[in-house]
C-alpha atoms as a PDB file:
ATOM      1  CA  UNK A   1       9.651   4.128 -18.217  1.00  0.00           C
ATOM      2  CA  UNK A   2      10.904   3.041 -14.807  1.00  0.00           C
ATOM      3  CA  UNK A   3       8.844   3.276 -11.636  1.00  0.00           C
ATOM      4  CA  UNK A   4      10.173   2.581  -8.150  1.00  0.00           C
ATOM      5  CA  UNK A   5       8.076   1.575  -5.161  1.00  0.00           C
ATOM      6  CA  UNK A   6       9.154   1.550  -1.527  1.00  0.00           C
ATOM      7  CA  UNK A   7       7.906   0.082   1.747  1.00  0.00           C
ATOM      8  CA  UNK A   8       9.294  -1.745   4.741  1.00  0.00           C
ATOM      9  CA  UNK A   9       7.888  -5.013   3.397  1.00  0.00           C
ATOM     10  CA  UNK A  10       5.435  -6.547   0.958  1.00  0.00           C
ATOM     11  CA  UNK A  11       2.649  -4.036   1.514  1.00  0.00           C
ATOM     12  CA  UNK A  12       3.806  -2.432  -1.732  1.00  0.00           C
ATOM     13  CA  UNK A  13       2.677  -5.511  -3.709  1.00  0.00           C
ATOM     14  CA  UNK A  14      -0.846  -4.220  -4.344  1.00  0.00           C
ATOM     15  CA  UNK A  15       0.343  -0.950  -5.888  1.00  0.00           C
ATOM     16  CA  UNK A  16       3.128  -2.758  -7.759  1.00  0.00           C
ATOM     17  CA  UNK A  17       0.642  -5.165  -9.322  1.00  0.00           C
ATOM     18  CA  UNK A  18      -1.616  -2.233 -10.228  1.00  0.00           C
ATOM     19  CA  UNK A  19       1.279  -0.514 -12.016  1.00  0.00           C
ATOM     20  CA  UNK A  20       2.166  -3.767 -13.775  1.00  0.00           C
ATOM     21  CA  UNK A  21      -1.414  -4.174 -15.021  1.00  0.00           C
ATOM     22  CA  UNK A  22      -1.594  -0.591 -16.278  1.00  0.00           C
ATOM     23  CA  UNK A  23       1.857  -0.607 -17.882  1.00  0.00           C
ATOM     24  CA  UNK A  24       3.311  -4.095 -18.423  1.00  0.00           C
ATOM     25  CA  UNK A  25       6.135  -2.440 -20.352  1.00  0.00           C
ATOM     26  CA  UNK A  26       7.358  -0.390 -17.350  1.00  0.00           C
ATOM     27  CA  UNK A  27      10.523  -1.407 -15.521  1.00  0.00           C
ATOM     28  CA  UNK A  28       9.880  -1.735 -11.776  1.00  0.00           C
ATOM     29  CA  UNK A  29      12.251  -1.212  -8.868  1.00  0.00           C
ATOM     30  CA  UNK A  30      11.022  -2.488  -5.490  1.00  0.00           C
ATOM     31  CA  UNK A  31      12.937  -1.131  -2.492  1.00  0.00           C
ATOM     32  CA  UNK A  32      12.112  -2.938   0.770  1.00  0.00           C
ATOM     33  CA  UNK A  33      13.608  -2.644   4.247  1.00  0.00           C
ATOM     34  CA  UNK A  34      13.741  -6.083   5.905  1.00  0.00           C
ATOM     35  CA  UNK A  35      16.498  -4.849   8.238  1.00  0.00           C
ATOM     36  CA  UNK A  36      14.232  -2.120   9.627  1.00  0.00           C
ATOM     37  CA  UNK A  37      10.758  -3.592   9.475  1.00  0.00           C
ATOM     38  CA  UNK A  38       8.195  -3.106  10.803  1.00  0.00           C
ATOM     39  CA  UNK A  39       8.103   0.653  10.443  1.00  0.00           C
ATOM     40  CA  UNK A  40       4.843   1.146  12.341  1.00  0.00           C
ATOM     41  CA  UNK A  41       6.244   1.015  15.909  1.00  0.00           C
ATOM     42  CA  UNK A  42       9.141   3.348  15.087  1.00  0.00           C
ATOM     43  CA  UNK A  43       9.196   7.003  16.081  1.00  0.00           C
ATOM     44  CA  UNK A  44       8.375   9.422  13.243  1.00  0.00           C
ATOM     45  CA  UNK A  45      12.003  10.578  13.124  1.00  0.00           C
ATOM     46  CA  UNK A  46      13.376   7.033  12.994  1.00  0.00           C
ATOM     47  CA  UNK A  47      10.827   5.951  10.402  1.00  0.00           C
ATOM     48  CA  UNK A  48      11.688   8.965   8.261  1.00  0.00           C
ATOM     49  CA  UNK A  49      15.380   8.081   8.450  1.00  0.00           C
ATOM     50  CA  UNK A  50      14.671   4.520   7.301  1.00  0.00           C
ATOM     51  CA  UNK A  51      12.351   5.717   4.531  1.00  0.00           C
ATOM     52  CA  UNK A  52      14.941   8.168   3.210  1.00  0.00           C
ATOM     53  CA  UNK A  53      17.550   5.396   3.080  1.00  0.00           C
ATOM     54  CA  UNK A  54      15.201   3.045   1.227  1.00  0.00           C
ATOM     55  CA  UNK A  55      14.312   5.816  -1.221  1.00  0.00           C
ATOM     56  CA  UNK A  56      17.992   6.601  -1.803  1.00  0.00           C
ATOM     57  CA  UNK A  57      18.635   2.950  -2.669  1.00  0.00           C
ATOM     58  CA  UNK A  58      15.855   3.116  -5.250  1.00  0.00           C
ATOM     59  CA  UNK A  59      17.005   6.485  -6.613  1.00  0.00           C
ATOM     60  CA  UNK A  60      20.387   4.986  -7.555  1.00  0.00           C
ATOM     61  CA  UNK A  61      18.512   3.115 -10.305  1.00  0.00           C
ATOM     62  CA  UNK A  62      17.260   6.413 -11.752  1.00  0.00           C
ATOM     63  CA  UNK A  63      13.515   5.784 -11.765  1.00  0.00           C
ATOM     64  CA  UNK A  64      11.138   8.260 -13.348  1.00  0.00           C
ATOM     65  CA  UNK A  65       8.788   8.207 -10.337  1.00  0.00           C
ATOM     66  CA  UNK A  66       8.782   6.882  -6.775  1.00  0.00           C
ATOM     67  CA  UNK A  67       5.662   5.485  -5.093  1.00  0.00           C
ATOM     68  CA  UNK A  68       5.590   5.354  -1.304  1.00  0.00           C
ATOM     69  CA  UNK A  69       3.634   2.122  -1.010  1.00  0.00           C
ATOM     70  CA  UNK A  70       2.950   2.496   2.708  1.00  0.00           C
ATOM     71  CA  UNK A  71       0.340   4.566   4.524  1.00  0.00           C
ATOM     72  CA  UNK A  72       2.433   4.997   7.668  1.00  0.00           C
ATOM     73  CA  UNK A  73       5.504   6.139   5.730  1.00  0.00           C
ATOM     74  CA  UNK A  74       3.349   8.567   3.785  1.00  0.00           C
ATOM     75  CA  UNK A  75       2.022  10.050   7.037  1.00  0.00           C
ATOM     76  CA  UNK A  76       5.450  10.620   8.563  1.00  0.00           C
ATOM     77  CA  UNK A  77       7.996  10.793   5.747  1.00  0.00           C
ATOM     78  CA  UNK A  78       6.337  12.099   2.573  1.00  0.00           C
ATOM     79  CA  UNK A  79       7.339  15.719   3.202  1.00  0.00           C
ATOM     80  CA  UNK A  80      10.975  14.757   3.775  1.00  0.00           C
ATOM     81  CA  UNK A  81      11.004  12.445   0.750  1.00  0.00           C
ATOM     82  CA  UNK A  82       9.641  15.169  -1.514  1.00  0.00           C
ATOM     83  CA  UNK A  83      12.071  17.726  -0.126  1.00  0.00           C
ATOM     84  CA  UNK A  84      14.945  15.359  -0.908  1.00  0.00           C
ATOM     85  CA  UNK A  85      13.923  14.130  -4.363  1.00  0.00           C
ATOM     86  CA  UNK A  86      11.514  16.507  -6.081  1.00  0.00           C
ATOM     87  CA  UNK A  87      11.295  17.992  -8.632  1.00  0.00           C
ATOM     88  CA  UNK A  88      13.763  15.629 -10.339  1.00  0.00           C
ATOM     89  CA  UNK A  89      11.977  12.536  -9.022  1.00  0.00           C
ATOM     90  CA  UNK A  90       8.193  12.789  -8.507  1.00  0.00           C
ATOM     91  CA  UNK A  91       7.150  11.146  -5.213  1.00  0.00           C
ATOM     92  CA  UNK A  92       3.616   9.756  -4.914  1.00  0.00           C
ATOM     93  CA  UNK A  93       2.220   8.964  -1.474  1.00  0.00           C
ATOM     94  CA  UNK A  94      -0.475   6.496  -0.449  1.00  0.00           C
ATOM     95  CA  UNK A  95      -3.547   8.007   1.202  1.00  0.00           C
ATOM     96  CA  UNK A  96      -6.443   5.967   2.647  1.00  0.00           C
ATOM     97  CA  UNK A  97      -9.373   6.003   0.211  1.00  0.00           C
ATOM     98  CA  UNK A  98     -11.676   7.835   2.623  1.00  0.00           C
ATOM     99  CA  UNK A  99     -12.916  10.341   0.043  1.00  0.00           C
ATOM    100  CA  UNK A 100     -14.304   7.839  -2.513  1.00  0.00           C
ATOM    101  CA  UNK A 101     -15.623   5.631   0.287  1.00  0.00           C
ATOM    102  CA  UNK A 102     -17.537   8.507   1.857  1.00  0.00           C
ATOM    103  CA  UNK A 103     -18.945   9.509  -1.531  1.00  0.00           C
ATOM    104  CA  UNK A 104     -20.882   6.233  -1.551  1.00  0.00           C
ATOM    105  CA  UNK A 105     -22.642   7.107   1.673  1.00  0.00           C
ATOM    106  CA  UNK A 106     -22.169   5.149   4.828  1.00  0.00           C
ATOM    107  CA  UNK A 107     -21.753   4.091   7.492  1.00  0.00           C
ATOM    108  CA  UNK A 108     -18.109   3.229   6.904  1.00  0.00           C
ATOM    109  CA  UNK A 109     -15.217   1.785   8.873  1.00  0.00           C
ATOM    110  CA  UNK A 110     -11.557   2.632   8.399  1.00  0.00           C
ATOM    111  CA  UNK A 111      -9.301  -0.334   9.107  1.00  0.00           C
ATOM    112  CA  UNK A 112      -5.766   0.854   9.836  1.00  0.00           C
ATOM    113  CA  UNK A 113      -2.715   0.041  11.916  1.00  0.00           C
ATOM    114  CA  UNK A 114      -2.932   1.026  15.592  1.00  0.00           C
ATOM    115  CA  UNK A 115      -0.315   3.728  14.921  1.00  0.00           C
ATOM    116  CA  UNK A 116      -2.480   5.334  12.232  1.00  0.00           C
ATOM    117  CA  UNK A 117      -5.839   4.869  13.959  1.00  0.00           C
ATOM    118  CA  UNK A 118      -6.741   8.050  15.809  1.00  0.00           C
ATOM    119  CA  UNK A 119      -3.742   9.920  14.386  1.00  0.00           C
ATOM    120  CA  UNK A 120      -4.153  13.610  13.564  1.00  0.00           C
ATOM    121  CA  UNK A 121      -3.448  12.739   9.912  1.00  0.00           C
ATOM    122  CA  UNK A 122      -6.294  10.254   9.618  1.00  0.00           C
ATOM    123  CA  UNK A 123      -8.610  12.373  11.738  1.00  0.00           C
ATOM    124  CA  UNK A 124      -8.026  15.284   9.371  1.00  0.00           C
ATOM    125  CA  UNK A 125      -8.870  13.111   6.351  1.00  0.00           C
ATOM    126  CA  UNK A 126     -12.131  12.077   8.015  1.00  0.00           C
ATOM    127  CA  UNK A 127     -13.045  15.696   8.768  1.00  0.00           C
ATOM    128  CA  UNK A 128     -12.211  16.825   5.239  1.00  0.00           C
ATOM    129  CA  UNK A 129     -13.751  14.016   3.216  1.00  0.00           C
ATOM    130  CA  UNK A 130     -16.258  12.186   5.419  1.00  0.00           C
ATOM    131  CA  UNK A 131     -18.158  15.030   7.049  1.00  0.00           C
ATOM    132  CA  UNK A 132     -21.744  13.966   7.598  1.00  0.00           C
ATOM    133  CA  UNK A 133     -20.926  10.274   7.204  1.00  0.00           C
ATOM    134  CA  UNK A 134     -20.673   7.956  10.183  1.00  0.00           C
ATOM    135  CA  UNK A 135     -17.051   6.775  10.202  1.00  0.00           C
ATOM    136  CA  UNK A 136     -15.547   4.349  12.711  1.00  0.00           C
ATOM    137  CA  UNK A 137     -11.800   3.956  13.072  1.00  0.00           C
ATOM    138  CA  UNK A 138     -10.839   0.321  13.619  1.00  0.00           C
ATOM    139  CA  UNK A 139      -7.339  -0.574  14.870  1.00  0.00           C
ATOM    140  CA  UNK A 140      -6.156  -3.829  13.295  1.00  0.00           C
ATOM    141  CA  UNK A 141      -3.747  -5.284  15.816  1.00  0.00           C
ATOM    142  CA  UNK A 142      -1.171  -7.569  14.222  1.00  0.00           C
ATOM    143  CA  UNK A 143      -2.832  -7.759  10.798  1.00  0.00           C
ATOM    144  CA  UNK A 144      -0.066  -6.118   8.776  1.00  0.00           C
ATOM    145  CA  UNK A 145       2.553  -8.248  10.502  1.00  0.00           C
ATOM    146  CA  UNK A 146       0.555 -11.436   9.842  1.00  0.00           C
ATOM    147  CA  UNK A 147       0.138 -10.523   6.167  1.00  0.00           C
ATOM    148  CA  UNK A 148       3.854  -9.828   5.939  1.00  0.00           C
ATOM    149  CA  UNK A 149       4.597 -13.349   7.184  1.00  0.00           C
ATOM    150  CA  UNK A 150       1.789 -14.909   5.111  1.00  0.00           C
ATOM    151  CA  UNK A 151       0.680 -16.544   8.376  1.00  0.00           C
ATOM    152  CA  UNK A 152      -2.833 -17.766   7.557  1.00  0.00           C
ATOM    153  CA  UNK A 153      -3.837 -18.483  11.151  1.00  0.00           C
ATOM    154  CA  UNK A 154      -2.629 -15.117  12.429  1.00  0.00           C
ATOM    155  CA  UNK A 155      -4.306 -13.340   9.489  1.00  0.00           C
ATOM    156  CA  UNK A 156      -7.651 -14.962  10.252  1.00  0.00           C
ATOM    157  CA  UNK A 157      -7.353 -14.127  13.954  1.00  0.00           C
ATOM    158  CA  UNK A 158      -6.443 -10.489  13.290  1.00  0.00           C
ATOM    159  CA  UNK A 159      -9.216 -10.072  10.721  1.00  0.00           C
ATOM    160  CA  UNK A 160     -11.748 -11.597  13.114  1.00  0.00           C
ATOM    161  CA  UNK A 161     -10.641  -9.268  15.917  1.00  0.00           C
ATOM    162  CA  UNK A 162     -10.981  -6.203  13.687  1.00  0.00           C
ATOM    163  CA  UNK A 163     -14.341  -7.420  12.392  1.00  0.00           C
ATOM    164  CA  UNK A 164     -15.570  -7.662  15.995  1.00  0.00           C
ATOM    165  CA  UNK A 165     -14.745  -3.963  16.429  1.00  0.00           C
ATOM    166  CA  UNK A 166     -16.603  -3.020  13.242  1.00  0.00           C
ATOM    167  CA  UNK A 167     -20.211  -1.821  13.751  1.00  0.00           C
ATOM    168  CA  UNK A 168     -22.912  -4.108  12.367  1.00  0.00           C
ATOM    169  CA  UNK A 169     -24.396  -1.400  10.130  1.00  0.00           C
ATOM    170  CA  UNK A 170     -21.174  -0.681   8.216  1.00  0.00           C
ATOM    171  CA  UNK A 171     -21.606  -0.952   4.447  1.00  0.00           C
ATOM    172  CA  UNK A 172     -18.093   0.151   3.439  1.00  0.00           C
ATOM    173  CA  UNK A 173     -14.598  -0.588   4.725  1.00  0.00           C
ATOM    174  CA  UNK A 174     -11.580   1.560   3.872  1.00  0.00           C
ATOM    175  CA  UNK A 175      -8.379  -0.473   3.767  1.00  0.00           C
ATOM    176  CA  UNK A 176      -6.092   2.023   5.445  1.00  0.00           C
ATOM    177  CA  UNK A 177      -2.926  -0.084   5.227  1.00  0.00           C
ATOM    178  CA  UNK A 178      -1.499  -1.368   1.971  1.00  0.00           C
ATOM    179  CA  UNK A 179      -0.951  -4.825   3.468  1.00  0.00           C
ATOM    180  CA  UNK A 180      -4.696  -5.240   3.937  1.00  0.00           C
ATOM    181  CA  UNK A 181      -5.383  -5.123   0.205  1.00  0.00           C
ATOM    182  CA  UNK A 182      -3.569  -8.452  -0.105  1.00  0.00           C
ATOM    183  CA  UNK A 183      -6.266 -10.125   2.037  1.00  0.00           C
ATOM    184  CA  UNK A 184      -9.290  -8.148   0.843  1.00  0.00           C
ATOM    185  CA  UNK A 185     -11.319 -11.291   0.177  1.00  0.00           C
ATOM    186  CA  UNK A 186     -10.845 -12.471   3.756  1.00  0.00           C
ATOM    187  CA  UNK A 187     -11.917  -9.093   5.100  1.00  0.00           C
ATOM    188  CA  UNK A 188     -15.043  -9.074   2.948  1.00  0.00           C
ATOM    189  CA  UNK A 189     -15.925 -12.559   4.140  1.00  0.00           C
ATOM    190  CA  UNK A 190     -15.446 -11.594   7.806  1.00  0.00           C
ATOM    191  CA  UNK A 191     -17.582  -8.436   7.793  1.00  0.00           C
ATOM    192  CA  UNK A 192     -21.234  -9.186   7.029  1.00  0.00           C
ATOM    193  CA  UNK A 193     -23.079  -6.646   4.916  1.00  0.00           C
ATOM    194  CA  UNK A 194     -26.211  -5.257   6.616  1.00  0.00           C
ATOM    195  CA  UNK A 195     -28.133  -5.181   3.331  1.00  0.00           C
ATOM    196  CA  UNK A 196     -28.494  -7.027   0.043  1.00  0.00           C
ATOM    197  CA  UNK A 197     -25.423  -5.392  -1.488  1.00  0.00           C
ATOM    198  CA  UNK A 198     -22.015  -6.932  -0.756  1.00  0.00           C
ATOM    199  CA  UNK A 199     -19.635  -5.071   1.511  1.00  0.00           C
ATOM    200  CA  UNK A 200     -17.743  -2.352  -0.387  1.00  0.00           C
ATOM    201  CA  UNK A 201     -13.975  -2.275   0.085  1.00  0.00           C
ATOM    202  CA  UNK A 202     -11.855   0.722  -0.857  1.00  0.00           C
ATOM    203  CA  UNK A 203      -8.103   0.336  -1.263  1.00  0.00           C
ATOM    204  CA  UNK A 204      -5.558   2.780  -2.667  1.00  0.00           C
ATOM    205  CA  UNK A 205      -3.468   0.711  -5.076  1.00  0.00           C
ATOM    206  CA  UNK A 206      -5.290   1.534  -8.299  1.00  0.00           C
ATOM    207  CA  UNK A 207      -5.483   5.260  -7.559  1.00  0.00           C
ATOM    208  CA  UNK A 208      -1.808   5.423  -6.591  1.00  0.00           C
ATOM    209  CA  UNK A 209      -0.717   3.664  -9.776  1.00  0.00           C
ATOM    210  CA  UNK A 210      -2.856   5.974 -11.896  1.00  0.00           C
ATOM    211  CA  UNK A 211      -1.497   9.050 -10.101  1.00  0.00           C
ATOM    212  CA  UNK A 212       2.079   7.982 -10.775  1.00  0.00           C
ATOM    213  CA  UNK A 213       1.330   7.771 -14.493  1.00  0.00           C
ATOM    214  CA  UNK A 214      -0.338  11.189 -14.411  1.00  0.00           C
ATOM    215  CA  UNK A 215       2.706  12.719 -12.716  1.00  0.00           C
ATOM    216  CA  UNK A 216       4.785  11.378 -15.611  1.00  0.00           C
ATOM    217  CA  UNK A 217       2.364  12.526 -18.286  1.00  0.00           C
ATOM    218  CA  UNK A 218       1.807   8.897 -19.296  1.00  0.00           C
ATOM    219  CA  UNK A 219      -1.371   6.982 -20.112  1.00  0.00           C
ATOM    220  CA  UNK A 220      -2.394   3.456 -19.134  1.00  0.00           C
ATOM    221  CA  UNK A 221      -1.460   0.911 -21.787  1.00  0.00           C
ATOM    222  CA  UNK A 222      -2.549  -2.468 -20.415  1.00  0.00           C
ATOM    223  CA  UNK A 223      -2.077  -4.114 -23.816  1.00  0.00           C
ATOM    224  CA  UNK A 224       1.545  -3.001 -24.149  1.00  0.00           C
ATOM    225  CA  UNK A 225       4.139  -5.781 -24.498  1.00  0.00           C
ATOM    226  CA  UNK A 226       5.056  -7.330 -21.145  1.00  0.00           C
ATOM    227  CA  UNK A 227       8.699  -6.324 -21.412  1.00  0.00           C
ATOM    228  CA  UNK A 228       9.062  -4.585 -18.042  1.00  0.00           C
ATOM    229  CA  UNK A 229      11.843  -5.827 -15.787  1.00  0.00           C
ATOM    230  CA  UNK A 230      11.746  -6.309 -12.024  1.00  0.00           C
ATOM    231  CA  UNK A 231      14.573  -5.209  -9.725  1.00  0.00           C
ATOM    232  CA  UNK A 232      14.366  -5.954  -5.997  1.00  0.00           C
ATOM    233  CA  UNK A 233      16.391  -4.223  -3.272  1.00  0.00           C
ATOM    234  CA  UNK A 234      16.431  -5.466   0.323  1.00  0.00           C
ATOM    235  CA  UNK A 235      17.661  -2.681   2.625  1.00  0.00           C
ATOM    236  CA  UNK A 236      19.735  -1.512  -0.334  1.00  0.00           C
ATOM    237  CA  UNK A 237      21.124  -4.928  -1.227  1.00  0.00           C
ATOM    238  CA  UNK A 238      20.325  -6.778  -4.458  1.00  0.00           C
ATOM    239  CA  UNK A 239      17.713  -9.463  -3.831  1.00  0.00           C
ATOM    240  CA  UNK A 240      14.550 -11.181  -4.972  1.00  0.00           C
ATOM    241  CA  UNK A 241      10.932 -11.086  -3.920  1.00  0.00           C
ATOM    242  CA  UNK A 242      10.475 -12.460  -0.389  1.00  0.00           C
ATOM    243  CA  UNK A 243       9.020 -15.948  -0.341  1.00  0.00           C
ATOM    244  CA  UNK A 244       5.915 -14.711   1.470  1.00  0.00           C
ATOM    245  CA  UNK A 245       5.164 -12.362  -1.431  1.00  0.00           C
ATOM    246  CA  UNK A 246       4.707 -15.285  -3.778  1.00  0.00           C
ATOM    247  CA  UNK A 247       1.823 -16.661  -1.718  1.00  0.00           C
ATOM    248  CA  UNK A 248      -0.368 -13.736  -2.831  1.00  0.00           C
ATOM    249  CA  UNK A 249      -1.795 -13.323  -6.353  1.00  0.00           C
ATOM    250  CA  UNK A 250      -0.120  -9.917  -6.639  1.00  0.00           C
ATOM    251  CA  UNK A 251       3.293 -11.437  -6.007  1.00  0.00           C
ATOM    252  CA  UNK A 252       2.590 -14.279  -8.383  1.00  0.00           C
ATOM    253  CA  UNK A 253       1.671 -11.774 -11.084  1.00  0.00           C
ATOM    254  CA  UNK A 254       5.030 -10.059 -10.752  1.00  0.00           C
ATOM    255  CA  UNK A 255       6.941 -13.320 -10.751  1.00  0.00           C
ATOM    256  CA  UNK A 256       5.056 -14.665 -13.759  1.00  0.00           C
ATOM    257  CA  UNK A 257       5.142 -11.505 -15.856  1.00  0.00           C
ATOM    258  CA  UNK A 258       8.900 -11.440 -16.349  1.00  0.00           C
ATOM    259  CA  UNK A 259      11.843 -13.202 -14.683  1.00  0.00           C
ATOM    260  CA  UNK A 260      13.019 -11.140 -11.722  1.00  0.00           C
ATOM    261  CA  UNK A 261      16.284  -9.383 -12.417  1.00  0.00           C
ATOM    262  CA  UNK A 262      18.833  -8.945  -9.695  1.00  0.00           C
ATOM    263  CA  UNK A 263      19.736  -5.308  -9.144  1.00  0.00           C
ATOM    264  CA  UNK A 264      22.999  -4.200 -10.643  1.00  0.00           C
END
């Protein structure tokens, strides 16, 4: 089994690590776009063009499924990606975990990029899945970019700024950008819980990995032999994991599980 994941940068690490944990025997293809990142400030049409190119680079390696490991790309490019590749190649998008977060009650905050915050897409998710729950949209200026660079000072500053915009009574935070899952511990530490229970964080990585397996009719097999290979593409070129990726546990897991293989 071969599963590809795509994003402009290392935001796909959380979902990649989740796939690796569920199926250590799966071959992984990571298709990044360092030449075009960040995708967030791009127009929807330009972002879609970049996403299609990154997906095409991954498709050359004939994966069995493709995960769009980016919330912003899912918002703007998922329809085009599915039109291009399905049904031959199942495409799984990444949706903010608003539904499970709202099921736990509230109040909740949705941390997302400024481009996603207030977007019709996210507003629709709130209306559909968080009706009756107090939900605050929090724009996280510069956080994804800081995580991408593994810039500790900038990460702390961006987290603190977003925490200051988060109401004091919030019990749950939705991580509405895949980059944020890489610094979940810092977010939890920055947002005080109003009660005795620790702050609840809801990311999408685990659900996305599980959905990809379901689309393939496969089951989790975490005890399978760790024989899966790792292929990295950088704007279509053979490469290796960016150095910043290795500063996060998720990147370390991928590096340690099996020697990275250069794309052929």
